[in-house]
Amino acid sequence: KKDLDALLVDGESVVRAFRIIRDLFIFTDRRLVLVDKQGITGRKAEYHSIPYKSISHFSVETAGTFDMDAEMKIYISGNPTPIEREFKRGADIIGVQKTLAQFILK
């Protein structure tokens, strides 16, 4: 929470957040912040700040019988390579995609 407050601009607020293993999907009223925890301890983190208007589309691949992981791809305007995130079985990929859709379809 304290680390996140330093990232937010004046008047920006967190609407919803999802923890996916060690990583975070943070939905604010202005953007999506992806927090990618790195290293063994998870102290090092990479923050992707993505304004909703920059997201052209996204896709969700659900887990199958033999493939236990689900996957989300987020496509940013002007960038042919999507941001990809894996979701282990039991993670709330449907909740993440529903929240993302609510923000980009406004």
PDB file of N, CA and C in Angstrom:
ATOM      1  N   LYS A   1       0.836  -1.201   0.000  1.00  0.00           N
ATOM      2  CA  LYS A   1       0.000   0.000   0.000  1.00  0.00           C
ATOM      3  C   LYS A   1       0.871   1.252   0.000  1.00  0.00           C
ATOM      4  N   LYS A   2       1.858   1.276   0.874  1.00  0.00           N
ATOM      5  CA  LYS A   2       2.735   2.442   0.977  1.00  0.00           C
ATOM      6  C   LYS A   2       3.492   2.679  -0.331  1.00  0.00           C
ATOM      7  N   ASP A   3       4.022   1.588  -0.936  1.00  0.00           N
ATOM      8  CA  ASP A   3       4.731   1.706  -2.212  1.00  0.00           C
ATOM      9  C   ASP A   3       3.806   2.214  -3.300  1.00  0.00           C
ATOM     10  N   LEU A   4       2.579   1.765  -3.274  1.00  0.00           N
ATOM     11  CA  LEU A   4       1.616   2.152  -4.296  1.00  0.00           C
ATOM     12  C   LEU A   4       1.236   3.620  -4.188  1.00  0.00           C
ATOM     13  N   ASP A   5       1.091   4.122  -2.985  1.00  0.00           N
ATOM     14  CA  ASP A   5       0.742   5.533  -2.796  1.00  0.00           C
ATOM     15  C   ASP A   5       1.755   6.446  -3.469  1.00  0.00           C
ATOM     16  N   ALA A   6       3.015   6.048  -3.480  1.00  0.00           N
ATOM     17  CA  ALA A   6       4.058   6.852  -4.115  1.00  0.00           C
ATOM     18  C   ALA A   6       3.890   6.900  -5.633  1.00  0.00           C
ATOM     19  N   LEU A   7       3.221   5.905  -6.212  1.00  0.00           N
ATOM     20  CA  LEU A   7       3.017   5.855  -7.663  1.00  0.00           C
ATOM     21  C   LEU A   7       1.821   6.668  -8.130  1.00  0.00           C
ATOM     22  N   LEU A   8       0.860   6.872  -7.252  1.00  0.00           N
ATOM     23  CA  LEU A   8      -0.380   7.531  -7.646  1.00  0.00           C
ATOM     24  C   LEU A   8      -0.199   9.040  -7.729  1.00  0.00           C
ATOM     25  N   VAL A   9      -0.881   9.651  -8.699  1.00  0.00           N
ATOM     26  CA  VAL A   9      -0.862  11.106  -8.812  1.00  0.00           C
ATOM     27  C   VAL A   9      -1.970  11.682  -7.936  1.00  0.00           C
ATOM     28  N   ASP A  10      -1.906  12.973  -7.681  1.00  0.00           N
ATOM     29  CA  ASP A  10      -2.925  13.621  -6.854  1.00  0.00           C
ATOM     30  C   ASP A  10      -4.310  13.371  -7.428  1.00  0.00           C
ATOM     31  N   GLY A  11      -5.211  12.940  -6.594  1.00  0.00           N
ATOM     32  CA  GLY A  11      -6.588  12.697  -7.012  1.00  0.00           C
ATOM     33  C   GLY A  11      -6.842  11.318  -7.597  1.00  0.00           C
ATOM     34  N   GLU A  12      -5.789  10.535  -7.834  1.00  0.00           N
ATOM     35  CA  GLU A  12      -5.952   9.185  -8.387  1.00  0.00           C
ATOM     36  C   GLU A  12      -6.227   8.209  -7.245  1.00  0.00           C
ATOM     37  N   SER A  13      -7.114   7.260  -7.487  1.00  0.00           N
ATOM     38  CA  SER A  13      -7.425   6.293  -6.436  1.00  0.00           C
ATOM     39  C   SER A  13      -7.514   4.879  -7.001  1.00  0.00           C
ATOM     40  N   VAL A  14      -7.198   3.914  -6.157  1.00  0.00           N
ATOM     41  CA  VAL A  14      -7.290   2.506  -6.528  1.00  0.00           C
ATOM     42  C   VAL A  14      -8.752   2.088  -6.456  1.00  0.00           C
ATOM     43  N   VAL A  15      -9.227   1.465  -7.539  1.00  0.00           N
ATOM     44  CA  VAL A  15     -10.604   0.983  -7.596  1.00  0.00           C
ATOM     45  C   VAL A  15     -10.662  -0.490  -7.216  1.00  0.00           C
ATOM     46  N   ARG A  16      -9.724  -1.272  -7.755  1.00  0.00           N
ATOM     47  CA  ARG A  16      -9.710  -2.712  -7.498  1.00  0.00           C
ATOM     48  C   ARG A  16      -8.299  -3.241  -7.732  1.00  0.00           C
ATOM     49  N   ALA A  17      -7.931  -4.281  -7.010  1.00  0.00           N
ATOM     50  CA  ALA A  17      -6.613  -4.890  -7.181  1.00  0.00           C
ATOM     51  C   ALA A  17      -6.734  -6.402  -7.074  1.00  0.00           C
ATOM     52  N   PHE A  18      -5.891  -7.084  -7.835  1.00  0.00           N
ATOM     53  CA  PHE A  18      -5.845  -8.545  -7.826  1.00  0.00           C
ATOM     54  C   PHE A  18      -4.405  -8.978  -7.611  1.00  0.00           C
ATOM     55  N   ARG A  19      -4.179  -9.927  -6.706  1.00  0.00           N
ATOM     56  CA  ARG A  19      -2.856 -10.523  -6.524  1.00  0.00           C
ATOM     57  C   ARG A  19      -2.852 -11.839  -7.293  1.00  0.00           C
ATOM     58  N   ILE A  20      -1.900 -11.964  -8.206  1.00  0.00           N
ATOM     59  CA  ILE A  20      -1.741 -13.184  -8.990  1.00  0.00           C
ATOM     60  C   ILE A  20      -0.355 -13.734  -8.644  1.00  0.00           C
ATOM     61  N   ILE A  21      -0.339 -14.710  -7.772  1.00  0.00           N
ATOM     62  CA  ILE A  21       0.884 -15.264  -7.188  1.00  0.00           C
ATOM     63  C   ILE A  21       1.610 -14.113  -6.474  1.00  0.00           C
ATOM     64  N   ARG A  22       2.727 -13.628  -7.011  1.00  0.00           N
ATOM     65  CA  ARG A  22       3.424 -12.496  -6.375  1.00  0.00           C
ATOM     66  C   ARG A  22       3.118 -11.178  -7.065  1.00  0.00           C
ATOM     67  N   ASP A  23       2.605 -11.241  -8.283  1.00  0.00           N
ATOM     68  CA  ASP A  23       2.369 -10.034  -9.067  1.00  0.00           C
ATOM     69  C   ASP A  23       1.016  -9.411  -8.739  1.00  0.00           C
ATOM     70  N   LEU A  24       0.839  -8.167  -9.164  1.00  0.00           N
ATOM     71  CA  LEU A  24      -0.405  -7.448  -8.905  1.00  0.00           C
ATOM     72  C   LEU A  24      -0.961  -6.830 -10.180  1.00  0.00           C
ATOM     73  N   PHE A  25      -2.271  -6.843 -10.306  1.00  0.00           N
ATOM     74  CA  PHE A  25      -3.008  -6.060 -11.289  1.00  0.00           C
ATOM     75  C   PHE A  25      -3.730  -4.997 -10.472  1.00  0.00           C
ATOM     76  N   ILE A  26      -3.382  -3.737 -10.652  1.00  0.00           N
ATOM     77  CA  ILE A  26      -4.001  -2.661  -9.882  1.00  0.00           C
ATOM     78  C   ILE A  26      -4.763  -1.757 -10.842  1.00  0.00           C
ATOM     79  N   PHE A  27      -6.060  -1.664 -10.625  1.00  0.00           N
ATOM     80  CA  PHE A  27      -6.917  -0.823 -11.454  1.00  0.00           C
ATOM     81  C   PHE A  27      -7.201   0.466 -10.696  1.00  0.00           C
ATOM     82  N   THR A  28      -6.723   1.585 -11.231  1.00  0.00           N
ATOM     83  CA  THR A  28      -7.053   2.872 -10.629  1.00  0.00           C
ATOM     84  C   THR A  28      -8.153   3.497 -11.478  1.00  0.00           C
ATOM     85  N   ASP A  29      -8.602   4.659 -11.080  1.00  0.00           N
ATOM     86  CA  ASP A  29      -9.621   5.341 -11.870  1.00  0.00           C
ATOM     87  C   ASP A  29      -9.045   5.938 -13.151  1.00  0.00           C
ATOM     88  N   ARG A  30      -7.707   5.852 -13.347  1.00  0.00           N
ATOM     89  CA  ARG A  30      -7.071   6.446 -14.528  1.00  0.00           C
ATOM     90  C   ARG A  30      -6.239   5.485 -15.371  1.00  0.00           C
ATOM     91  N   ARG A  31      -5.769   4.394 -14.774  1.00  0.00           N
ATOM     92  CA  ARG A  31      -4.847   3.508 -15.494  1.00  0.00           C
ATOM     93  C   ARG A  31      -4.794   2.130 -14.850  1.00  0.00           C
ATOM     94  N   LEU A  32      -4.134   1.235 -15.569  1.00  0.00           N
ATOM     95  CA  LEU A  32      -3.823  -0.097 -15.060  1.00  0.00           C
ATOM     96  C   LEU A  32      -2.345  -0.099 -14.684  1.00  0.00           C
ATOM     97  N   VAL A  33      -2.037  -0.552 -13.482  1.00  0.00           N
ATOM     98  CA  VAL A  33      -0.650  -0.687 -13.047  1.00  0.00           C
ATOM     99  C   VAL A  33      -0.387  -2.175 -12.844  1.00  0.00           C
ATOM    100  N   LEU A  34       0.577  -2.703 -13.598  1.00  0.00           N
ATOM    101  CA  LEU A  34       0.995  -4.097 -13.445  1.00  0.00           C
ATOM    102  C   LEU A  34       2.279  -4.106 -12.634  1.00  0.00           C
ATOM    103  N   VAL A  35       2.283  -4.835 -11.548  1.00  0.00           N
ATOM    104  CA  VAL A  35       3.464  -4.929 -10.694  1.00  0.00           C
ATOM    105  C   VAL A  35       4.029  -6.332 -10.852  1.00  0.00           C
ATOM    106  N   ASP A  36       5.238  -6.399 -11.402  1.00  0.00           N
ATOM    107  CA  ASP A  36       5.915  -7.664 -11.662  1.00  0.00           C
ATOM    108  C   ASP A  36       7.022  -7.831 -10.626  1.00  0.00           C
ATOM    109  N   LYS A  37       6.774  -8.657  -9.614  1.00  0.00           N
ATOM    110  CA  LYS A  37       7.772  -8.916  -8.568  1.00  0.00           C
ATOM    111  C   LYS A  37       8.843  -9.825  -9.148  1.00  0.00           C
ATOM    112  N   GLN A  38      10.100  -9.494  -8.884  1.00  0.00           N
ATOM    113  CA  GLN A  38      11.206 -10.229  -9.483  1.00  0.00           C
ATOM    114  C   GLN A  38      12.173 -10.716  -8.414  1.00  0.00           C
ATOM    115  N   GLY A  39      12.967 -11.686  -8.792  1.00  0.00           N
ATOM    116  CA  GLY A  39      13.990 -12.207  -7.889  1.00  0.00           C
ATOM    117  C   GLY A  39      13.424 -13.189  -6.879  1.00  0.00           C
ATOM    118  N   ILE A  40      14.303 -13.779  -6.129  1.00  0.00           N
ATOM    119  CA  ILE A  40      13.919 -14.789  -5.145  1.00  0.00           C
ATOM    120  C   ILE A  40      13.094 -14.175  -4.021  1.00  0.00           C
ATOM    121  N   THR A  41      13.495 -12.999  -3.558  1.00  0.00           N
ATOM    122  CA  THR A  41      12.802 -12.375  -2.425  1.00  0.00           C
ATOM    123  C   THR A  41      11.569 -11.589  -2.850  1.00  0.00           C
ATOM    124  N   GLY A  42      11.503 -11.206  -4.116  1.00  0.00           N
ATOM    125  CA  GLY A  42      10.377 -10.402  -4.578  1.00  0.00           C
ATOM    126  C   GLY A  42      10.479  -8.941  -4.182  1.00  0.00           C
ATOM    127  N   ARG A  43      11.637  -8.532  -3.673  1.00  0.00           N
ATOM    128  CA  ARG A  43      11.815  -7.128  -3.285  1.00  0.00           C
ATOM    129  C   ARG A  43      11.970  -6.226  -4.498  1.00  0.00           C
ATOM    130  N   LYS A  44      12.565  -6.759  -5.542  1.00  0.00           N
ATOM    131  CA  LYS A  44      12.712  -5.997  -6.775  1.00  0.00           C
ATOM    132  C   LYS A  44      11.397  -6.107  -7.541  1.00  0.00           C
ATOM    133  N   ALA A  45      10.930  -4.981  -8.074  1.00  0.00           N
ATOM    134  CA  ALA A  45       9.658  -4.998  -8.800  1.00  0.00           C
ATOM    135  C   ALA A  45       9.729  -4.075 -10.007  1.00  0.00           C
ATOM    136  N   GLU A  46       9.045  -4.481 -11.064  1.00  0.00           N
ATOM    137  CA  GLU A  46       8.898  -3.647 -12.254  1.00  0.00           C
ATOM    138  C   GLU A  46       7.441  -3.210 -12.312  1.00  0.00           C
ATOM    139  N   TYR A  47       7.230  -1.920 -12.554  1.00  0.00           N
ATOM    140  CA  TYR A  47       5.887  -1.354 -12.599  1.00  0.00           C
ATOM    141  C   TYR A  47       5.572  -0.924 -14.026  1.00  0.00           C
ATOM    142  N   HIS A  48       4.496  -1.463 -14.580  1.00  0.00           N
ATOM    143  CA  HIS A  48       4.013  -1.047 -15.897  1.00  0.00           C
ATOM    144  C   HIS A  48       2.799  -0.166 -15.661  1.00  0.00           C
ATOM    145  N   SER A  49       2.863   1.062 -16.113  1.00  0.00           N
ATOM    146  CA  SER A  49       1.743   1.989 -15.982  1.00  0.00           C
ATOM    147  C   SER A  49       1.103   2.148 -17.354  1.00  0.00           C
ATOM    148  N   ILE A  50      -0.146   1.717 -17.477  1.00  0.00           N
ATOM    149  CA  ILE A  50      -0.807   1.689 -18.783  1.00  0.00           C
ATOM    150  C   ILE A  50      -2.114   2.476 -18.720  1.00  0.00           C
ATOM    151  N   PRO A  51      -2.160   3.647 -19.356  1.00  0.00           N
ATOM    152  CA  PRO A  51      -3.435   4.374 -19.422  1.00  0.00           C
ATOM    153  C   PRO A  51      -4.458   3.517 -20.173  1.00  0.00           C
ATOM    154  N   TYR A  52      -5.693   3.496 -19.690  1.00  0.00           N
ATOM    155  CA  TYR A  52      -6.721   2.658 -20.317  1.00  0.00           C
ATOM    156  C   TYR A  52      -6.899   2.980 -21.793  1.00  0.00           C
ATOM    157  N   LYS A  53      -6.763   4.255 -22.168  1.00  0.00           N
ATOM    158  CA  LYS A  53      -6.965   4.645 -23.567  1.00  0.00           C
ATOM    159  C   LYS A  53      -5.894   4.060 -24.492  1.00  0.00           C
ATOM    160  N   SER A  54      -4.767   3.604 -23.930  1.00  0.00           N
ATOM    161  CA  SER A  54      -3.687   3.006 -24.727  1.00  0.00           C
ATOM    162  C   SER A  54      -3.916   1.533 -25.027  1.00  0.00           C
ATOM    163  N   ILE A  55      -4.848   0.908 -24.330  1.00  0.00           N
ATOM    164  CA  ILE A  55      -5.104  -0.522 -24.529  1.00  0.00           C
ATOM    165  C   ILE A  55      -6.042  -0.685 -25.716  1.00  0.00           C
ATOM    166  N   SER A  56      -5.537  -1.306 -26.791  1.00  0.00           N
ATOM    167  CA  SER A  56      -6.366  -1.485 -27.986  1.00  0.00           C
ATOM    168  C   SER A  56      -7.287  -2.687 -27.842  1.00  0.00           C
ATOM    169  N   HIS A  57      -6.783  -3.762 -27.257  1.00  0.00           N
ATOM    170  CA  HIS A  57      -7.608  -4.942 -26.987  1.00  0.00           C
ATOM    171  C   HIS A  57      -6.833  -5.899 -26.080  1.00  0.00           C
ATOM    172  N   PHE A  58      -7.522  -6.944 -25.635  1.00  0.00           N
ATOM    173  CA  PHE A  58      -6.864  -7.948 -24.811  1.00  0.00           C
ATOM    174  C   PHE A  58      -7.480  -9.301 -25.109  1.00  0.00           C
ATOM    175  N   SER A  59      -6.757 -10.353 -24.750  1.00  0.00           N
ATOM    176  CA  SER A  59      -7.279 -11.704 -24.944  1.00  0.00           C
ATOM    177  C   SER A  59      -7.043 -12.519 -23.684  1.00  0.00           C
ATOM    178  N   VAL A  60      -7.909 -13.507 -23.491  1.00  0.00           N
ATOM    179  CA  VAL A  60      -7.809 -14.414 -22.356  1.00  0.00           C
ATOM    180  C   VAL A  60      -7.839 -15.835 -22.892  1.00  0.00           C
ATOM    181  N   GLU A  61      -6.877 -16.632 -22.467  1.00  0.00           N
ATOM    182  CA  GLU A  61      -6.847 -18.056 -22.816  1.00  0.00           C
ATOM    183  C   GLU A  61      -7.032 -18.821 -21.515  1.00  0.00           C
ATOM    184  N   THR A  62      -8.111 -19.559 -21.425  1.00  0.00           N
ATOM    185  CA  THR A  62      -8.399 -20.279 -20.187  1.00  0.00           C
ATOM    186  C   THR A  62      -7.563 -21.549 -20.091  1.00  0.00           C
ATOM    187  N   ALA A  63      -7.448 -22.065 -18.887  1.00  0.00           N
ATOM    188  CA  ALA A  63      -6.701 -23.303 -18.663  1.00  0.00           C
ATOM    189  C   ALA A  63      -7.462 -24.468 -19.280  1.00  0.00           C
ATOM    190  N   GLY A  64      -6.714 -25.432 -19.781  1.00  0.00           N
ATOM    191  CA  GLY A  64      -7.330 -26.618 -20.369  1.00  0.00           C
ATOM    192  C   GLY A  64      -7.106 -27.834 -19.494  1.00  0.00           C
ATOM    193  N   THR A  65      -7.423 -28.980 -20.050  1.00  0.00           N
ATOM    194  CA  THR A  65      -7.275 -30.227 -19.309  1.00  0.00           C
ATOM    195  C   THR A  65      -5.816 -30.513 -18.974  1.00  0.00           C
ATOM    196  N   PHE A  66      -4.944 -30.344 -19.961  1.00  0.00           N
ATOM    197  CA  PHE A  66      -3.533 -30.658 -19.757  1.00  0.00           C
ATOM    198  C   PHE A  66      -2.689 -29.420 -19.480  1.00  0.00           C
ATOM    199  N   ASP A  67      -3.176 -28.262 -19.860  1.00  0.00           N
ATOM    200  CA  ASP A  67      -2.484 -27.000 -19.603  1.00  0.00           C
ATOM    201  C   ASP A  67      -3.145 -26.358 -18.390  1.00  0.00           C
ATOM    202  N   MET A  68      -2.449 -26.357 -17.277  1.00  0.00           N
ATOM    203  CA  MET A  68      -3.040 -25.909 -16.015  1.00  0.00           C
ATOM    204  C   MET A  68      -3.107 -24.391 -15.877  1.00  0.00           C
ATOM    205  N   ASP A  69      -2.370 -23.662 -16.712  1.00  0.00           N
ATOM    206  CA  ASP A  69      -2.311 -22.210 -16.581  1.00  0.00           C
ATOM    207  C   ASP A  69      -3.209 -21.518 -17.595  1.00  0.00           C
ATOM    208  N   ALA A  70      -3.770 -20.390 -17.183  1.00  0.00           N
ATOM    209  CA  ALA A  70      -4.508 -19.516 -18.087  1.00  0.00           C
ATOM    210  C   ALA A  70      -3.564 -18.360 -18.434  1.00  0.00           C
ATOM    211  N   GLU A  71      -3.904 -17.616 -19.478  1.00  0.00           N
ATOM    212  CA  GLU A  71      -3.022 -16.541 -19.916  1.00  0.00           C
ATOM    213  C   GLU A  71      -3.832 -15.343 -20.377  1.00  0.00           C
ATOM    214  N   MET A  72      -3.323 -14.152 -20.081  1.00  0.00           N
ATOM    215  CA  MET A  72      -3.932 -12.924 -20.566  1.00  0.00           C
ATOM    216  C   MET A  72      -2.886 -12.165 -21.372  1.00  0.00           C
ATOM    217  N   LYS A  73      -3.311 -11.620 -22.511  1.00  0.00           N
ATOM    218  CA  LYS A  73      -2.452 -10.769 -23.329  1.00  0.00           C
ATOM    219  C   LYS A  73      -3.127  -9.412 -23.443  1.00  0.00           C
ATOM    220  N   ILE A  74      -2.348  -8.360 -23.187  1.00  0.00           N
ATOM    221  CA  ILE A  74      -2.852  -6.992 -23.271  1.00  0.00           C
ATOM    222  C   ILE A  74      -2.078  -6.291 -24.379  1.00  0.00           C
ATOM    223  N   TYR A  75      -2.806  -5.796 -25.370  1.00  0.00           N
ATOM    224  CA  TYR A  75      -2.201  -5.149 -26.526  1.00  0.00           C
ATOM    225  C   TYR A  75      -2.272  -3.633 -26.366  1.00  0.00           C
ATOM    226  N   ILE A  76      -1.113  -2.992 -26.508  1.00  0.00           N
ATOM    227  CA  ILE A  76      -1.003  -1.549 -26.363  1.00  0.00           C
ATOM    228  C   ILE A  76      -0.893  -0.937 -27.760  1.00  0.00           C
ATOM    229  N   SER A  77      -1.619   0.142 -27.997  1.00  0.00           N
ATOM    230  CA  SER A  77      -1.583   0.823 -29.297  1.00  0.00           C
ATOM    231  C   SER A  77      -0.142   1.152 -29.683  1.00  0.00           C
ATOM    232  N   GLY A  78       0.214   0.854 -30.932  1.00  0.00           N
ATOM    233  CA  GLY A  78       1.539   1.157 -31.440  1.00  0.00           C
ATOM    234  C   GLY A  78       2.605   0.135 -31.084  1.00  0.00           C
ATOM    235  N   ASN A  79       2.261  -0.896 -30.331  1.00  0.00           N
ATOM    236  CA  ASN A  79       3.229  -1.922 -29.945  1.00  0.00           C
ATOM    237  C   ASN A  79       2.696  -3.285 -30.392  1.00  0.00           C
ATOM    238  N   PRO A  80       3.362  -3.939 -31.350  1.00  0.00           N
ATOM    239  CA  PRO A  80       2.852  -5.218 -31.852  1.00  0.00           C
ATOM    240  C   PRO A  80       2.987  -6.379 -30.859  1.00  0.00           C
ATOM    241  N   THR A  81       3.854  -6.229 -29.869  1.00  0.00           N
ATOM    242  CA  THR A  81       4.070  -7.297 -28.896  1.00  0.00           C
ATOM    243  C   THR A  81       3.216  -7.048 -27.651  1.00  0.00           C
ATOM    244  N   PRO A  82       2.338  -7.986 -27.308  1.00  0.00           N
ATOM    245  CA  PRO A  82       1.479  -7.774 -26.139  1.00  0.00           C
ATOM    246  C   PRO A  82       2.226  -7.989 -24.823  1.00  0.00           C
ATOM    247  N   ILE A  83       1.657  -7.457 -23.765  1.00  0.00           N
ATOM    248  CA  ILE A  83       2.117  -7.767 -22.415  1.00  0.00           C
ATOM    249  C   ILE A  83       1.404  -9.054 -22.023  1.00  0.00           C
ATOM    250  N   GLU A  84       2.158 -10.069 -21.622  1.00  0.00           N
ATOM    251  CA  GLU A  84       1.568 -11.369 -21.302  1.00  0.00           C
ATOM    252  C   GLU A  84       1.722 -11.679 -19.817  1.00  0.00           C
ATOM    253  N   ARG A  85       0.656 -12.223 -19.251  1.00  0.00           N
ATOM    254  CA  ARG A  85       0.686 -12.653 -17.855  1.00  0.00           C
ATOM    255  C   ARG A  85       0.052 -14.032 -17.743  1.00  0.00           C
ATOM    256  N   GLU A  86       0.700 -14.917 -16.982  1.00  0.00           N
ATOM    257  CA  GLU A  86       0.151 -16.255 -16.735  1.00  0.00           C
ATOM    258  C   GLU A  86      -0.594 -16.267 -15.413  1.00  0.00           C
ATOM    259  N   PHE A  87      -1.643 -17.052 -15.373  1.00  0.00           N
ATOM    260  CA  PHE A  87      -2.459 -17.214 -14.179  1.00  0.00           C
ATOM    261  C   PHE A  87      -2.477 -18.692 -13.826  1.00  0.00           C
ATOM    262  N   LYS A  88      -2.065 -19.017 -12.636  1.00  0.00           N
ATOM    263  CA  LYS A  88      -2.121 -20.410 -12.182  1.00  0.00           C
ATOM    264  C   LYS A  88      -3.570 -20.799 -11.936  1.00  0.00           C
ATOM    265  N   ARG A  89      -3.833 -22.093 -11.974  1.00  0.00           N
ATOM    266  CA  ARG A  89      -5.198 -22.583 -11.729  1.00  0.00           C
ATOM    267  C   ARG A  89      -5.714 -22.016 -10.406  1.00  0.00           C
ATOM    268  N   GLY A  90      -6.938 -21.543 -10.424  1.00  0.00           N
ATOM    269  CA  GLY A  90      -7.548 -20.970  -9.227  1.00  0.00           C
ATOM    270  C   GLY A  90      -7.435 -19.458  -9.139  1.00  0.00           C
ATOM    271  N   ALA A  91      -6.561 -18.852  -9.949  1.00  0.00           N
ATOM    272  CA  ALA A  91      -6.449 -17.388  -9.954  1.00  0.00           C
ATOM    273  C   ALA A  91      -7.681 -16.799 -10.643  1.00  0.00           C
ATOM    274  N   ASP A  92      -8.052 -15.615 -10.268  1.00  0.00           N
ATOM    275  CA  ASP A  92      -9.292 -14.993 -10.745  1.00  0.00           C
ATOM    276  C   ASP A  92      -9.105 -14.275 -12.080  1.00  0.00           C
ATOM    277  N   ILE A  93      -8.799 -15.024 -13.145  1.00  0.00           N
ATOM    278  CA  ILE A  93      -8.605 -14.408 -14.456  1.00  0.00           C
ATOM    279  C   ILE A  93      -9.907 -13.800 -14.979  1.00  0.00           C
ATOM    280  N   ILE A  94     -11.038 -14.386 -14.633  1.00  0.00           N
ATOM    281  CA  ILE A  94     -12.329 -13.847 -15.077  1.00  0.00           C
ATOM    282  C   ILE A  94     -12.587 -12.495 -14.415  1.00  0.00           C
ATOM    283  N   GLY A  95     -12.281 -12.371 -13.135  1.00  0.00           N
ATOM    284  CA  GLY A  95     -12.438 -11.092 -12.440  1.00  0.00           C
ATOM    285  C   GLY A  95     -11.538 -10.017 -13.015  1.00  0.00           C
ATOM    286  N   VAL A  96     -10.292 -10.386 -13.354  1.00  0.00           N
ATOM    287  CA  VAL A  96      -9.353  -9.434 -13.949  1.00  0.00           C
ATOM    288  C   VAL A  96      -9.861  -8.982 -15.308  1.00  0.00           C
ATOM    289  N   GLN A  97     -10.296  -9.924 -16.151  1.00  0.00           N
ATOM    290  CA  GLN A  97     -10.738  -9.539 -17.490  1.00  0.00           C
ATOM    291  C   GLN A  97     -12.020  -8.719 -17.436  1.00  0.00           C
ATOM    292  N   LYS A  98     -12.900  -9.033 -16.507  1.00  0.00           N
ATOM    293  CA  LYS A  98     -14.148  -8.274 -16.374  1.00  0.00           C
ATOM    294  C   LYS A  98     -13.860  -6.829 -15.939  1.00  0.00           C
ATOM    295  N   THR A  99     -12.952  -6.669 -14.984  1.00  0.00           N
ATOM    296  CA  THR A  99     -12.584  -5.329 -14.521  1.00  0.00           C
ATOM    297  C   THR A  99     -11.890  -4.551 -15.629  1.00  0.00           C
ATOM    298  N   LEU A 100     -10.985  -5.200 -16.357  1.00  0.00           N
ATOM    299  CA  LEU A 100     -10.299  -4.545 -17.468  1.00  0.00           C
ATOM    300  C   LEU A 100     -11.301  -4.109 -18.527  1.00  0.00           C
ATOM    301  N   ALA A 101     -12.236  -4.968 -18.867  1.00  0.00           N
ATOM    302  CA  ALA A 101     -13.262  -4.623 -19.858  1.00  0.00           C
ATOM    303  C   ALA A 101     -14.090  -3.428 -19.401  1.00  0.00           C
ATOM    304  N   GLN A 102     -14.436  -3.374 -18.131  1.00  0.00           N
ATOM    305  CA  GLN A 102     -15.228  -2.250 -17.617  1.00  0.00           C
ATOM    306  C   GLN A 102     -14.507  -0.925 -17.824  1.00  0.00           C
ATOM    307  N   PHE A 103     -13.197  -0.916 -17.669  1.00  0.00           N
ATOM    308  CA  PHE A 103     -12.451   0.331 -17.818  1.00  0.00           C
ATOM    309  C   PHE A 103     -12.181   0.704 -19.272  1.00  0.00           C
ATOM    310  N   ILE A 104     -11.856  -0.261 -20.126  1.00  0.00           N
ATOM    311  CA  ILE A 104     -11.512   0.112 -21.502  1.00  0.00           C
ATOM    312  C   ILE A 104     -12.737   0.280 -22.389  1.00  0.00           C
ATOM    313  N   LEU A 105     -13.888  -0.205 -21.962  1.00  0.00           N
ATOM    314  CA  LEU A 105     -15.100  -0.068 -22.773  1.00  0.00           C
ATOM    315  C   LEU A 105     -15.939   1.145 -22.379  1.00  0.00           C
ATOM    316  N   LYS A 106     -15.407   2.002 -21.528  1.00  0.00           N
ATOM    317  CA  LYS A 106     -16.142   3.208 -21.119  1.00  0.00           C
ATOM    318  C   LYS A 106     -16.308   4.150 -22.282  1.00  0.00           C
TER     319      LYS A 106
END
